[in-house]
PDB file of N, CA and C in Angstrom:
ATOM      1  N   MET A   1     -14.422  43.479  81.086  1.00  0.00           N
ATOM      2  CA  MET A   1     -14.516  43.117  79.694  1.00  0.00           C
ATOM      3  C   MET A   1     -15.923  43.428  79.161  1.00  0.00           C
ATOM      4  N   VAL A   2     -16.951  43.177  79.982  1.00  0.00           N
ATOM      5  CA  VAL A   2     -18.326  43.451  79.542  1.00  0.00           C
ATOM      6  C   VAL A   2     -18.531  44.956  79.391  1.00  0.00           C
ATOM      7  N   ALA A   3     -18.014  45.743  80.308  1.00  0.00           N
ATOM      8  CA  ALA A   3     -18.138  47.198  80.219  1.00  0.00           C
ATOM      9  C   ALA A   3     -17.424  47.722  78.977  1.00  0.00           C
ATOM     10  N   ALA A   4     -16.276  47.161  78.657  1.00  0.00           N
ATOM     11  CA  ALA A   4     -15.553  47.567  77.451  1.00  0.00           C
ATOM     12  C   ALA A   4     -16.337  47.197  76.194  1.00  0.00           C
ATOM     13  N   TYR A   5     -16.970  46.039  76.213  1.00  0.00           N
ATOM     14  CA  TYR A   5     -17.814  45.612  75.094  1.00  0.00           C
ATOM     15  C   TYR A   5     -18.965  46.589  74.895  1.00  0.00           C
ATOM     16  N   LEU A   6     -19.640  46.954  75.996  1.00  0.00           N
ATOM     17  CA  LEU A   6     -20.750  47.893  75.903  1.00  0.00           C
ATOM     18  C   LEU A   6     -20.296  49.241  75.356  1.00  0.00           C
ATOM     19  N   ALA A   7     -19.160  49.714  75.839  1.00  0.00           N
ATOM     20  CA  ALA A   7     -18.638  51.003  75.370  1.00  0.00           C
ATOM     21  C   ALA A   7     -18.255  50.940  73.896  1.00  0.00           C
ATOM     22  N   ALA A   8     -17.693  49.819  73.471  1.00  0.00           N
ATOM     23  CA  ALA A   8     -17.258  49.695  72.083  1.00  0.00           C
ATOM     24  C   ALA A   8     -18.438  49.698  71.111  1.00  0.00           C
ATOM     25  N   PHE A   9     -19.559  49.134  71.515  1.00  0.00           N
ATOM     26  CA  PHE A   9     -20.706  49.036  70.617  1.00  0.00           C
ATOM     27  C   PHE A   9     -21.800  50.052  70.945  1.00  0.00           C
ATOM     28  N   SER A  10     -21.516  51.007  71.813  1.00  0.00           N
ATOM     29  CA  SER A  10     -22.545  51.957  72.242  1.00  0.00           C
ATOM     30  C   SER A  10     -23.038  52.859  71.117  1.00  0.00           C
ATOM     31  N   GLU A  11     -22.218  53.100  70.116  1.00  0.00           N
ATOM     32  CA  GLU A  11     -22.620  53.969  69.008  1.00  0.00           C
ATOM     33  C   GLU A  11     -23.302  53.207  67.882  1.00  0.00           C
ATOM     34  N   THR A  12     -23.013  51.923  67.751  1.00  0.00           N
ATOM     35  CA  THR A  12     -23.536  51.182  66.600  1.00  0.00           C
ATOM     36  C   THR A  12     -24.778  50.357  66.915  1.00  0.00           C
ATOM     37  N   LEU A  13     -24.939  49.939  68.165  1.00  0.00           N
ATOM     38  CA  LEU A  13     -26.084  49.118  68.540  1.00  0.00           C
ATOM     39  C   LEU A  13     -27.071  49.940  69.363  1.00  0.00           C
ATOM     40  N   SER A  14     -28.334  49.562  69.305  1.00  0.00           N
ATOM     41  CA  SER A  14     -29.337  50.262  70.098  1.00  0.00           C
ATOM     42  C   SER A  14     -29.186  49.889  71.571  1.00  0.00           C
ATOM     43  N   VAL A  15     -29.742  50.731  72.410  1.00  0.00           N
ATOM     44  CA  VAL A  15     -29.680  50.486  73.850  1.00  0.00           C
ATOM     45  C   VAL A  15     -30.399  49.182  74.188  1.00  0.00           C
ATOM     46  N   ALA A  16     -31.529  48.925  73.535  1.00  0.00           N
ATOM     47  CA  ALA A  16     -32.274  47.694  73.798  1.00  0.00           C
ATOM     48  C   ALA A  16     -31.441  46.465  73.437  1.00  0.00           C
ATOM     49  N   THR A  17     -30.687  46.532  72.358  1.00  0.00           N
ATOM     50  CA  THR A  17     -29.827  45.414  71.960  1.00  0.00           C
ATOM     51  C   THR A  17     -28.725  45.199  72.991  1.00  0.00           C
ATOM     52  N   LEU A  18     -28.135  46.287  73.460  1.00  0.00           N
ATOM     53  CA  LEU A  18     -27.090  46.168  74.482  1.00  0.00           C
ATOM     54  C   LEU A  18     -27.656  45.585  75.772  1.00  0.00           C
ATOM     55  N   GLN A  19     -28.863  45.962  76.131  1.00  0.00           N
ATOM     56  CA  GLN A  19     -29.492  45.407  77.336  1.00  0.00           C
ATOM     57  C   GLN A  19     -29.783  43.923  77.163  1.00  0.00           C
ATOM     58  N   ARG A  20     -30.258  43.530  75.984  1.00  0.00           N
ATOM     59  CA  ARG A  20     -30.530  42.107  75.731  1.00  0.00           C
ATOM     60  C   ARG A  20     -29.251  41.294  75.788  1.00  0.00           C
ATOM     61  N   ARG A  21     -28.195  41.804  75.197  1.00  0.00           N
ATOM     62  CA  ARG A  21     -26.928  41.070  75.203  1.00  0.00           C
ATOM     63  C   ARG A  21     -26.346  40.980  76.606  1.00  0.00           C
ATOM     64  N   THR A  22     -26.475  42.040  77.373  1.00  0.00           N
ATOM     65  CA  THR A  22     -26.016  42.010  78.761  1.00  0.00           C
ATOM     66  C   THR A  22     -26.814  40.986  79.560  1.00  0.00           C
ATOM     67  N   ALA A  23     -28.110  40.938  79.317  1.00  0.00           N
ATOM     68  CA  ALA A  23     -28.955  39.953  80.010  1.00  0.00           C
ATOM     69  C   ALA A  23     -28.560  38.530  79.626  1.00  0.00           C
ATOM     70  N   ALA A  24     -28.248  38.312  78.347  1.00  0.00           N
ATOM     71  CA  ALA A  24     -27.839  36.977  77.900  1.00  0.00           C
ATOM     72  C   ALA A  24     -26.515  36.562  78.547  1.00  0.00           C
ATOM     73  N   ILE A  25     -25.591  37.494  78.632  1.00  0.00           N
ATOM     74  CA  ILE A  25     -24.308  37.205  79.289  1.00  0.00           C
ATOM     75  C   ILE A  25     -24.540  36.887  80.761  1.00  0.00           C
ATOM     76  N   SER A  26     -25.429  37.640  81.379  1.00  0.00           N
ATOM     77  CA  SER A  26     -25.745  37.430  82.793  1.00  0.00           C
ATOM     78  C   SER A  26     -26.346  36.050  83.032  1.00  0.00           C
ATOM     79  N   VAL A  27     -27.297  35.654  82.199  1.00  0.00           N
ATOM     80  CA  VAL A  27     -27.945  34.348  82.344  1.00  0.00           C
ATOM     81  C   VAL A  27     -26.929  33.223  82.131  1.00  0.00           C
ATOM     82  N   ALA A  28     -26.056  33.385  81.154  1.00  0.00           N
ATOM     83  CA  ALA A  28     -25.047  32.355  80.881  1.00  0.00           C
ATOM     84  C   ALA A  28     -24.109  32.175  82.082  1.00  0.00           C
ATOM     85  N   HIS A  29     -23.722  33.277  82.702  1.00  0.00           N
ATOM     86  CA  HIS A  29     -22.851  33.172  83.872  1.00  0.00           C
ATOM     87  C   HIS A  29     -23.583  32.543  85.053  1.00  0.00           C
ATOM     88  N   ASP A  30     -24.831  32.934  85.259  1.00  0.00           N
ATOM     89  CA  ASP A  30     -25.604  32.351  86.358  1.00  0.00           C
ATOM     90  C   ASP A  30     -25.858  30.863  86.139  1.00  0.00           C
ATOM     91  N   ALA A  31     -26.138  30.474  84.902  1.00  0.00           N
ATOM     92  CA  ALA A  31     -26.406  29.066  84.596  1.00  0.00           C
ATOM     93  C   ALA A  31     -25.165  28.204  84.803  1.00  0.00           C
ATOM     94  N   GLY A  32     -24.001  28.764  84.533  1.00  0.00           N
ATOM     95  CA  GLY A  32     -22.765  28.018  84.713  1.00  0.00           C
ATOM     96  C   GLY A  32     -22.166  28.158  86.092  1.00  0.00           C
ATOM     97  N   SER A  33     -22.875  28.821  86.986  1.00  0.00           N
ATOM     98  CA  SER A  33     -22.389  29.062  88.355  1.00  0.00           C
ATOM     99  C   SER A  33     -21.055  29.794  88.380  1.00  0.00           C
ATOM    100  N   PHE A  34     -20.902  30.724  87.434  1.00  0.00           N
ATOM    101  CA  PHE A  34     -19.702  31.555  87.382  1.00  0.00           C
ATOM    102  C   PHE A  34     -20.020  32.904  88.013  1.00  0.00           C
ATOM    103  N   PRO A  35     -19.016  33.625  88.463  1.00  0.00           N
ATOM    104  CA  PRO A  35     -19.257  34.985  88.962  1.00  0.00           C
ATOM    105  C   PRO A  35     -19.838  35.852  87.834  1.00  0.00           C
ATOM    106  N   ASN A  36     -20.890  36.580  88.143  1.00  0.00           N
ATOM    107  CA  ASN A  36     -21.604  37.338  87.131  1.00  0.00           C
ATOM    108  C   ASN A  36     -21.036  38.757  87.022  1.00  0.00           C
ATOM    109  N   PRO A  37     -20.330  39.066  85.925  1.00  0.00           N
ATOM    110  CA  PRO A  37     -19.761  40.407  85.780  1.00  0.00           C
ATOM    111  C   PRO A  37     -20.810  41.476  85.492  1.00  0.00           C
ATOM    112  N   CYS A  38     -21.985  41.072  85.031  1.00  0.00           N
ATOM    113  CA  CYS A  38     -23.028  42.041  84.667  1.00  0.00           C
ATOM    114  C   CYS A  38     -23.659  42.695  85.889  1.00  0.00           C
ATOM    115  N   LYS A  39     -23.464  42.118  87.047  1.00  0.00           N
ATOM    116  CA  LYS A  39     -24.011  42.688  88.277  1.00  0.00           C
ATOM    117  C   LYS A  39     -23.055  43.678  88.934  1.00  0.00           C
ATOM    118  N   SER A  40     -21.895  43.865  88.336  1.00  0.00           N
ATOM    119  CA  SER A  40     -20.922  44.788  88.918  1.00  0.00           C
ATOM    120  C   SER A  40     -21.363  46.230  88.695  1.00  0.00           C
ATOM    121  N   ILE A  41     -20.901  47.087  89.578  1.00  0.00           N
ATOM    122  CA  ILE A  41     -21.256  48.503  89.486  1.00  0.00           C
ATOM    123  C   ILE A  41     -20.681  49.123  88.209  1.00  0.00           C
ATOM    124  N   LEU A  42     -19.545  48.642  87.739  1.00  0.00           N
ATOM    125  CA  LEU A  42     -18.934  49.183  86.523  1.00  0.00           C
ATOM    126  C   LEU A  42     -19.817  48.918  85.304  1.00  0.00           C
ATOM    127  N   VAL A  43     -20.313  47.700  85.178  1.00  0.00           N
ATOM    128  CA  VAL A  43     -21.155  47.359  84.024  1.00  0.00           C
ATOM    129  C   VAL A  43     -22.487  48.100  84.110  1.00  0.00           C
ATOM    130  N   ARG A  44     -23.097  48.128  85.280  1.00  0.00           N
ATOM    131  CA  ARG A  44     -24.376  48.830  85.434  1.00  0.00           C
ATOM    132  C   ARG A  44     -24.220  50.325  85.176  1.00  0.00           C
ATOM    133  N   SER A  45     -23.131  50.913  85.651  1.00  0.00           N
ATOM    134  CA  SER A  45     -22.887  52.336  85.421  1.00  0.00           C
ATOM    135  C   SER A  45     -22.634  52.633  83.949  1.00  0.00           C
ATOM    136  N   THR A  46     -21.916  51.747  83.285  1.00  0.00           N
ATOM    137  CA  THR A  46     -21.655  51.920  81.856  1.00  0.00           C
ATOM    138  C   THR A  46     -22.954  51.892  81.064  1.00  0.00           C
ATOM    139  N   LEU A  47     -23.808  50.927  81.354  1.00  0.00           N
ATOM    140  CA  LEU A  47     -25.084  50.827  80.647  1.00  0.00           C
ATOM    141  C   LEU A  47     -25.977  52.025  80.961  1.00  0.00           C
ATOM    142  N   ASN A  48     -26.010  52.464  82.207  1.00  0.00           N
ATOM    143  CA  ASN A  48     -26.796  53.652  82.558  1.00  0.00           C
ATOM    144  C   ASN A  48     -26.262  54.899  81.860  1.00  0.00           C
ATOM    145  N   GLY A  49     -24.949  55.013  81.752  1.00  0.00           N
ATOM    146  CA  GLY A  49     -24.353  56.156  81.055  1.00  0.00           C
ATOM    147  C   GLY A  49     -24.691  56.162  79.580  1.00  0.00           C
ATOM    148  N   ILE A  50     -24.695  54.985  78.969  1.00  0.00           N
ATOM    149  CA  ILE A  50     -25.060  54.887  77.549  1.00  0.00           C
ATOM    150  C   ILE A  50     -26.509  55.309  77.360  1.00  0.00           C
ATOM    151  N   LYS A  51     -27.383  54.860  78.252  1.00  0.00           N
ATOM    152  CA  LYS A  51     -28.791  55.245  78.157  1.00  0.00           C
ATOM    153  C   LYS A  51     -28.959  56.751  78.338  1.00  0.00           C
ATOM    154  N   ARG A  52     -28.197  57.336  79.240  1.00  0.00           N
ATOM    155  CA  ARG A  52     -28.299  58.765  79.484  1.00  0.00           C
ATOM    156  C   ARG A  52     -27.796  59.564  78.281  1.00  0.00           C
ATOM    157  N   VAL A  53     -26.680  59.138  77.690  1.00  0.00           N
ATOM    158  CA  VAL A  53     -26.107  59.856  76.551  1.00  0.00           C
ATOM    159  C   VAL A  53     -26.979  59.702  75.310  1.00  0.00           C
ATOM    160  N   ARG A  54     -27.468  58.512  75.087  1.00  0.00           N
ATOM    161  CA  ARG A  54     -28.294  58.265  73.897  1.00  0.00           C
ATOM    162  C   ARG A  54     -29.681  58.879  74.036  1.00  0.00           C
ATOM    163  N   GLY A  55     -30.119  59.093  75.271  1.00  0.00           N
ATOM    164  CA  GLY A  55     -31.391  59.748  75.507  1.00  0.00           C
ATOM    165  C   GLY A  55     -32.592  58.991  74.985  1.00  0.00           C
ATOM    166  N   VAL A  56     -32.590  57.690  75.134  1.00  0.00           N
ATOM    167  CA  VAL A  56     -33.715  56.907  74.652  1.00  0.00           C
ATOM    168  C   VAL A  56     -34.673  56.629  75.797  1.00  0.00           C
ATOM    169  N   ALA A  57     -35.929  56.858  75.534  1.00  0.00           N
ATOM    170  CA  ALA A  57     -36.981  56.542  76.489  1.00  0.00           C
ATOM    171  C   ALA A  57     -38.062  55.775  75.744  1.00  0.00           C
ATOM    172  N   GLN A  58     -38.716  54.891  76.457  1.00  0.00           N
ATOM    173  CA  GLN A  58     -39.781  54.137  75.823  1.00  0.00           C
ATOM    174  C   GLN A  58     -40.917  55.073  75.455  1.00  0.00           C
ATOM    175  N   LYS A  59     -41.574  54.775  74.337  1.00  0.00           N
ATOM    176  CA  LYS A  59     -42.718  55.565  73.928  1.00  0.00           C
ATOM    177  C   LYS A  59     -43.913  55.183  74.796  1.00  0.00           C
ATOM    178  N   GLU A  60     -44.535  56.188  75.347  1.00  0.00           N
ATOM    179  CA  GLU A  60     -45.642  55.950  76.247  1.00  0.00           C
ATOM    180  C   GLU A  60     -46.922  55.745  75.448  1.00  0.00           C
ATOM    181  N   ALA A  61     -47.687  54.765  75.840  1.00  0.00           N
ATOM    182  CA  ALA A  61     -48.949  54.480  75.167  1.00  0.00           C
ATOM    183  C   ALA A  61     -49.982  55.533  75.528  1.00  0.00           C
ATOM    184  N   LYS A  62     -50.860  55.811  74.586  1.00  0.00           N
ATOM    185  CA  LYS A  62     -51.939  56.763  74.827  1.00  0.00           C
ATOM    186  C   LYS A  62     -52.914  56.134  75.815  1.00  0.00           C
ATOM    187  N   PRO A  63     -53.364  56.886  76.816  1.00  0.00           N
ATOM    188  CA  PRO A  63     -54.255  56.299  77.817  1.00  0.00           C
ATOM    189  C   PRO A  63     -55.629  55.970  77.233  1.00  0.00           C
ATOM    190  N   LEU A  64     -56.248  54.969  77.806  1.00  0.00           N
ATOM    191  CA  LEU A  64     -57.599  54.592  77.420  1.00  0.00           C
ATOM    192  C   LEU A  64     -58.567  55.441  78.235  1.00  0.00           C
ATOM    193  N   LEU A  65     -59.376  56.207  77.532  1.00  0.00           N
ATOM    194  CA  LEU A  65     -60.303  57.120  78.202  1.00  0.00           C
ATOM    195  C   LEU A  65     -61.684  56.497  78.331  1.00  0.00           C
ATOM    196  N   LYS A  66     -62.430  57.019  79.273  1.00  0.00           N
ATOM    197  CA  LYS A  66     -63.779  56.525  79.532  1.00  0.00           C
ATOM    198  C   LYS A  66     -64.644  56.638  78.270  1.00  0.00           C
ATOM    199  N   GLU A  67     -64.481  57.725  77.538  1.00  0.00           N
ATOM    200  CA  GLU A  67     -65.259  57.928  76.321  1.00  0.00           C
ATOM    201  C   GLU A  67     -64.962  56.849  75.276  1.00  0.00           C
ATOM    202  N   ASP A  68     -63.713  56.423  75.217  1.00  0.00           N
ATOM    203  CA  ASP A  68     -63.329  55.360  74.274  1.00  0.00           C
ATOM    204  C   ASP A  68     -64.013  54.049  74.634  1.00  0.00           C
ATOM    205  N   LEU A  69     -64.119  53.760  75.920  1.00  0.00           N
ATOM    206  CA  LEU A  69     -64.777  52.529  76.355  1.00  0.00           C
ATOM    207  C   LEU A  69     -66.257  52.536  75.998  1.00  0.00           C
ATOM    208  N   PHE A  70     -66.910  53.668  76.253  1.00  0.00           N
ATOM    209  CA  PHE A  70     -68.337  53.751  75.954  1.00  0.00           C
ATOM    210  C   PHE A  70     -68.591  53.718  74.453  1.00  0.00           C
ATOM    211  N   ALA A  71     -67.711  54.301  73.667  1.00  0.00           N
ATOM    212  CA  ALA A  71     -67.878  54.290  72.214  1.00  0.00           C
ATOM    213  C   ALA A  71     -67.765  52.876  71.673  1.00  0.00           C
ATOM    214  N   SER A  72     -66.814  52.111  72.203  1.00  0.00           N
ATOM    215  CA  SER A  72     -66.643  50.733  71.709  1.00  0.00           C
ATOM    216  C   SER A  72     -67.747  49.821  72.222  1.00  0.00           C
ATOM    217  N   SER A  73     -68.294  50.096  73.411  1.00  0.00           N
ATOM    218  CA  SER A  73     -69.357  49.235  73.933  1.00  0.00           C
ATOM    219  C   SER A  73     -70.650  49.418  73.146  1.00  0.00           C
ATOM    220  N   THR A  74     -70.886  50.618  72.605  1.00  0.00           N
ATOM    221  CA  THR A  74     -72.098  50.814  71.797  1.00  0.00           C
ATOM    222  C   THR A  74     -71.974  50.112  70.462  1.00  0.00           C
ATOM    223  N   LEU A  75     -70.763  49.969  69.965  1.00  0.00           N
ATOM    224  CA  LEU A  75     -70.556  49.229  68.718  1.00  0.00           C
ATOM    225  C   LEU A  75     -70.898  47.757  68.900  1.00  0.00           C
ATOM    226  N   TRP A  76     -70.520  47.192  70.039  1.00  0.00           N
ATOM    227  CA  TRP A  76     -70.801  45.776  70.307  1.00  0.00           C
ATOM    228  C   TRP A  76     -72.284  45.540  70.556  1.00  0.00           C
ATOM    229  N   ALA A  77     -72.962  46.519  71.144  1.00  0.00           N
ATOM    230  CA  ALA A  77     -74.377  46.349  71.455  1.00  0.00           C
ATOM    231  C   ALA A  77     -75.224  46.355  70.187  1.00  0.00           C
ATOM    232  N   THR A  78     -74.782  47.063  69.147  1.00  0.00           N
ATOM    233  CA  THR A  78     -75.558  47.141  67.908  1.00  0.00           C
ATOM    234  C   THR A  78     -75.234  46.023  66.947  1.00  0.00           C
ATOM    235  N   ALA A  79     -74.167  45.304  67.178  1.00  0.00           N
ATOM    236  CA  ALA A  79     -73.751  44.260  66.238  1.00  0.00           C
ATOM    237  C   ALA A  79     -74.510  42.979  66.395  1.00  0.00           C
TER     238      ALA A  79
END
């Protein structure tokens, strides 16, 4: 049922939203001591397939360079 839910909303909801909802379902099942359907290979494969098809990757942050550190430290020294 969870895999069908993910497939049904894969086009309208973002991948992050689907992951959050899957996590919420998982926590609810664990808290109630029920069998957790989100840990099944079917649900994990469905979510991985949606991520692969949608092609979403997190945006990588620009690295902090040594020159940036020295530039900001001189600003603090003069203030």
